[in-house]
Amino acid sequence: MQKLYWLETHLGTIDGAIELANSFLWNLSLTYEGEQWYIKSNEQIIFQSASREWVDAFLYGMGLAYEGTPDWISNPILDELRETLKHQYLDFQIISPPIEETIRIGKLTCWNFKIIENPPMFYVIDGEPVIYSCDSIEGLTAFMNGIGLGLMGLPSPYQERIIEGVTEWCKKICGE
């Protein structure tokens, strides 16, 4: 059992999460074959599970990673990346970062993740509000892998520029 607390208010639907990730050039597709769900970026499998619930957790996390990125940061970077892709193929392995790295990078981009274990439930909070809860480590891992891959999944230097832009934007909002 899981709850995607910000799905409707921030993404609308799981399809909305896919659309948002695809606006960041992920080209995600979701298929079901042989009792397994596969999420692919282009043709590379980036997540698979027998559980549709865990697939949704991954996609929800990935969508949330991009939901808060202001257009004035992402649009120029994505335009440059699209132009680069017209002239060359970027070949890189897509690997979800460890949960600790997701939390560290999240803090650089205004997220303040904390994982709370209250058996049998796991809760992910961002400051105060709960953004995700589930009753399995697999669901928690799927969500954190999705948000982590979203936060870190663009090739360098694009990833670094988005992180720098969001960090600067957060400082302006917070008055630092």
Foldseek 3Di string as FASTA:
>chain_A
DKDQPCCCVQQNHLVSLVVQLVVLVQCWDWDADPLKIFIHRPNHTADMDSDVLLVSLLSSLLSVLRSPQDCVQRVVLSVVVVVVVVPDPDDDDQHQDDLVVLCVLCVLQQFNWDWDPDPQKIFIDGVPDTRMMDRDPSSVVSNSSNNRCNQQVDDPPSSVSSSVVSNVVVCVVVVD
